[in-house]
Amino acid sequence: MQEELADLMSSMERRQHKRFAVDGFAEVLVADGTMLFRGRVLDISVAGCYIETQARLRIAPGTEVEMVFRVNGIVFRPMATSRAVRLGEGAGFLFLNLDAKMQTELDALIAELSADG
């Protein structure tokens, strides 16, 4: 238990961007096509998101994925890399190379979530 708490504190210290609670459905495809899983987007930031899933994720940190999810009526289709994988719980992802349209939509969503919170 103490190790889990230390890991959580360590990952929180590394975060550079504020996360906002959201609720959205996600589909994630590992870039090499070896796995597809579904889950719920629980939080989002300007840099990435966390997806809760019951799937048995067998992906290493740094694995490239393609995802699609909807949050507050906006559909996002970013490429991302896995950052932290928690077996039986979910995974955190870092967005990669967002195009201008997607970046604008993400910035608008974060601004909306910031105003709400």
C-alpha atoms as a PDB file:
ATOM      1  CA  MET A   1       0.000   0.000   0.000  1.00  0.00           C
ATOM      2  CA  GLN A   2       2.788   2.403   0.895  1.00  0.00           C
ATOM      3  CA  GLU A   3       4.556   1.672  -2.437  1.00  0.00           C
ATOM      4  CA  GLU A   4       1.326   2.450  -4.348  1.00  0.00           C
ATOM      5  CA  LEU A   5       1.015   5.756  -2.488  1.00  0.00           C
ATOM      6  CA  ALA A   6       4.649   6.620  -3.250  1.00  0.00           C
ATOM      7  CA  ASP A   7       4.092   5.793  -6.950  1.00  0.00           C
ATOM      8  CA  LEU A   8       0.976   7.971  -7.013  1.00  0.00           C
ATOM      9  CA  MET A   9       2.760  10.893  -5.345  1.00  0.00           C
ATOM     10  CA  SER A  10       5.684  10.523  -7.757  1.00  0.00           C
ATOM     11  CA  SER A  11       3.424  10.554 -10.824  1.00  0.00           C
ATOM     12  CA  MET A  12       1.522  13.573  -9.480  1.00  0.00           C
ATOM     13  CA  GLU A  13       4.786  15.467  -9.053  1.00  0.00           C
ATOM     14  CA  ARG A  14       5.724  14.762 -12.700  1.00  0.00           C
ATOM     15  CA  ARG A  15       2.449  16.149 -14.054  1.00  0.00           C
ATOM     16  CA  GLN A  16       2.918  19.487 -15.735  1.00  0.00           C
ATOM     17  CA  HIS A  17      -0.711  20.175 -16.630  1.00  0.00           C
ATOM     18  CA  LYS A  18      -3.877  20.321 -14.564  1.00  0.00           C
ATOM     19  CA  ARG A  19      -6.258  17.434 -15.139  1.00  0.00           C
ATOM     20  CA  PHE A  20     -10.010  17.819 -15.368  1.00  0.00           C
ATOM     21  CA  ALA A  21     -12.590  15.136 -14.582  1.00  0.00           C
ATOM     22  CA  VAL A  22     -14.682  14.146 -17.597  1.00  0.00           C
ATOM     23  CA  ASP A  23     -16.808  11.195 -18.640  1.00  0.00           C
ATOM     24  CA  GLY A  24     -16.568   9.897 -22.165  1.00  0.00           C
ATOM     25  CA  PHE A  25     -16.475   6.603 -24.063  1.00  0.00           C
ATOM     26  CA  ALA A  26     -13.172   5.683 -25.725  1.00  0.00           C
ATOM     27  CA  GLU A  27     -11.882   3.108 -28.185  1.00  0.00           C
ATOM     28  CA  VAL A  28      -8.132   2.583 -28.299  1.00  0.00           C
ATOM     29  CA  LEU A  29      -6.214   0.688 -30.983  1.00  0.00           C
ATOM     30  CA  VAL A  30      -2.581  -0.185 -30.419  1.00  0.00           C
ATOM     31  CA  ALA A  31      -0.751   1.230 -33.456  1.00  0.00           C
ATOM     32  CA  ASP A  32       0.604  -2.154 -34.566  1.00  0.00           C
ATOM     33  CA  GLY A  33      -2.950  -3.570 -34.572  1.00  0.00           C
ATOM     34  CA  THR A  34      -2.317  -6.150 -31.841  1.00  0.00           C
ATOM     35  CA  MET A  35      -4.982  -4.891 -29.446  1.00  0.00           C
ATOM     36  CA  LEU A  36      -8.226  -2.927 -29.374  1.00  0.00           C
ATOM     37  CA  PHE A  37      -9.871  -2.009 -26.112  1.00  0.00           C
ATOM     38  CA  ARG A  38     -12.704   0.172 -24.904  1.00  0.00           C
ATOM     39  CA  GLY A  39     -13.049   2.216 -21.766  1.00  0.00           C
ATOM     40  CA  ARG A  40     -14.088   5.495 -20.155  1.00  0.00           C
ATOM     41  CA  VAL A  41     -12.101   8.700 -20.294  1.00  0.00           C
ATOM     42  CA  LEU A  42     -12.001   9.804 -16.646  1.00  0.00           C
ATOM     43  CA  ASP A  43      -9.775  12.854 -16.939  1.00  0.00           C
ATOM     44  CA  ILE A  44      -8.124  15.026 -19.557  1.00  0.00           C
ATOM     45  CA  SER A  45      -5.446  17.708 -19.746  1.00  0.00           C
ATOM     46  CA  VAL A  46      -3.833  19.678 -22.551  1.00  0.00           C
ATOM     47  CA  ALA A  47      -1.232  16.896 -22.745  1.00  0.00           C
ATOM     48  CA  GLY A  48      -3.173  13.652 -22.359  1.00  0.00           C
ATOM     49  CA  CYS A  49      -5.898  11.619 -20.700  1.00  0.00           C
ATOM     50  CA  TYR A  50      -6.608   8.655 -18.450  1.00  0.00           C
ATOM     51  CA  ILE A  51      -8.814   5.820 -19.684  1.00  0.00           C
ATOM     52  CA  GLU A  52     -10.406   3.389 -17.261  1.00  0.00           C
ATOM     53  CA  THR A  53     -10.871  -0.105 -18.682  1.00  0.00           C
ATOM     54  CA  GLN A  54     -11.445  -3.644 -17.517  1.00  0.00           C
ATOM     55  CA  ALA A  55      -9.398  -4.948 -20.450  1.00  0.00           C
ATOM     56  CA  ARG A  56      -6.218  -6.811 -19.568  1.00  0.00           C
ATOM     57  CA  LEU A  57      -3.793  -4.309 -20.970  1.00  0.00           C
ATOM     58  CA  ARG A  58      -0.511  -5.829 -21.992  1.00  0.00           C
ATOM     59  CA  ILE A  59       1.157  -2.704 -23.291  1.00  0.00           C
ATOM     60  CA  ALA A  60       4.419  -1.207 -22.160  1.00  0.00           C
ATOM     61  CA  PRO A  61       4.898   2.459 -21.392  1.00  0.00           C
ATOM     62  CA  GLY A  62       5.701   4.273 -24.632  1.00  0.00           C
ATOM     63  CA  THR A  63       3.424   2.086 -26.778  1.00  0.00           C
ATOM     64  CA  GLU A  64       1.851   4.133 -29.560  1.00  0.00           C
ATOM     65  CA  VAL A  65      -1.936   4.020 -29.865  1.00  0.00           C
ATOM     66  CA  GLU A  66      -4.691   5.566 -31.936  1.00  0.00           C
ATOM     67  CA  MET A  67      -7.797   6.538 -29.988  1.00  0.00           C
ATOM     68  CA  VAL A  68     -11.211   8.001 -30.541  1.00  0.00           C
ATOM     69  CA  PHE A  69     -13.353   9.446 -27.780  1.00  0.00           C
ATOM     70  CA  ARG A  70     -16.123  11.964 -27.234  1.00  0.00           C
ATOM     71  CA  VAL A  71     -16.101  14.477 -24.381  1.00  0.00           C
ATOM     72  CA  ASN A  72     -18.683  17.276 -24.013  1.00  0.00           C
ATOM     73  CA  GLY A  73     -19.949  16.609 -27.524  1.00  0.00           C
ATOM     74  CA  ILE A  74     -16.523  16.929 -29.170  1.00  0.00           C
ATOM     75  CA  VAL A  75     -14.976  13.911 -30.912  1.00  0.00           C
ATOM     76  CA  PHE A  76     -11.203  13.551 -30.579  1.00  0.00           C
ATOM     77  CA  ARG A  77      -9.053  11.181 -32.651  1.00  0.00           C
ATOM     78  CA  PRO A  78      -5.516  11.645 -31.345  1.00  0.00           C
ATOM     79  CA  MET A  79      -2.446   9.498 -31.597  1.00  0.00           C
ATOM     80  CA  ALA A  80      -0.898   8.978 -28.174  1.00  0.00           C
ATOM     81  CA  THR A  81       1.645   6.956 -26.228  1.00  0.00           C
ATOM     82  CA  SER A  82       0.933   4.992 -23.088  1.00  0.00           C
ATOM     83  CA  ARG A  83       2.557   6.507 -20.019  1.00  0.00           C
ATOM     84  CA  ALA A  84       1.293   4.542 -17.027  1.00  0.00           C
ATOM     85  CA  VAL A  85      -0.557   1.237 -17.196  1.00  0.00           C
ATOM     86  CA  ARG A  86      -2.447  -0.090 -14.181  1.00  0.00           C
ATOM     87  CA  LEU A  87      -3.460  -3.699 -14.725  1.00  0.00           C
ATOM     88  CA  GLY A  88      -7.187  -4.193 -14.362  1.00  0.00           C
ATOM     89  CA  GLU A  89      -7.775  -0.458 -13.935  1.00  0.00           C
ATOM     90  CA  GLY A  90      -6.701   1.595 -16.949  1.00  0.00           C
ATOM     91  CA  ALA A  91      -3.909   3.635 -18.460  1.00  0.00           C
ATOM     92  CA  GLY A  92      -2.692   7.180 -18.865  1.00  0.00           C
ATOM     93  CA  PHE A  93      -1.822   8.467 -22.329  1.00  0.00           C
ATOM     94  CA  LEU A  94       0.198  11.383 -23.679  1.00  0.00           C
ATOM     95  CA  PHE A  95      -1.197  12.950 -26.854  1.00  0.00           C
ATOM     96  CA  LEU A  96       1.127  13.106 -29.880  1.00  0.00           C
ATOM     97  CA  ASN A  97       1.273  15.674 -32.677  1.00  0.00           C
ATOM     98  CA  LEU A  98      -2.249  17.056 -32.476  1.00  0.00           C
ATOM     99  CA  ASP A  99      -3.255  18.817 -35.686  1.00  0.00           C
ATOM    100  CA  ALA A 100      -4.303  22.482 -35.465  1.00  0.00           C
ATOM    101  CA  LYS A 101      -8.046  21.715 -35.446  1.00  0.00           C
ATOM    102  CA  MET A 102      -7.776  19.105 -32.708  1.00  0.00           C
ATOM    103  CA  GLN A 103      -5.471  21.333 -30.636  1.00  0.00           C
ATOM    104  CA  THR A 104      -7.958  24.220 -30.920  1.00  0.00           C
ATOM    105  CA  GLU A 105     -10.843  21.950 -29.866  1.00  0.00           C
ATOM    106  CA  LEU A 106      -8.821  20.558 -26.949  1.00  0.00           C
ATOM    107  CA  ASP A 107      -7.844  24.069 -25.819  1.00  0.00           C
ATOM    108  CA  ALA A 108     -11.514  25.136 -25.987  1.00  0.00           C
ATOM    109  CA  LEU A 109     -12.575  22.081 -23.960  1.00  0.00           C
ATOM    110  CA  ILE A 110      -9.915  22.763 -21.308  1.00  0.00           C
ATOM    111  CA  ALA A 111     -11.004  26.427 -21.126  1.00  0.00           C
ATOM    112  CA  GLU A 112     -14.633  25.308 -20.679  1.00  0.00           C
ATOM    113  CA  LEU A 113     -13.672  22.803 -17.982  1.00  0.00           C
ATOM    114  CA  SER A 114     -11.518  25.432 -16.241  1.00  0.00           C
ATOM    115  CA  ALA A 115     -14.442  27.871 -16.151  1.00  0.00           C
ATOM    116  CA  ASP A 116     -16.751  25.186 -14.720  1.00  0.00           C
ATOM    117  CA  GLY A 117     -14.408  24.130 -12.000  1.00  0.00           C
END
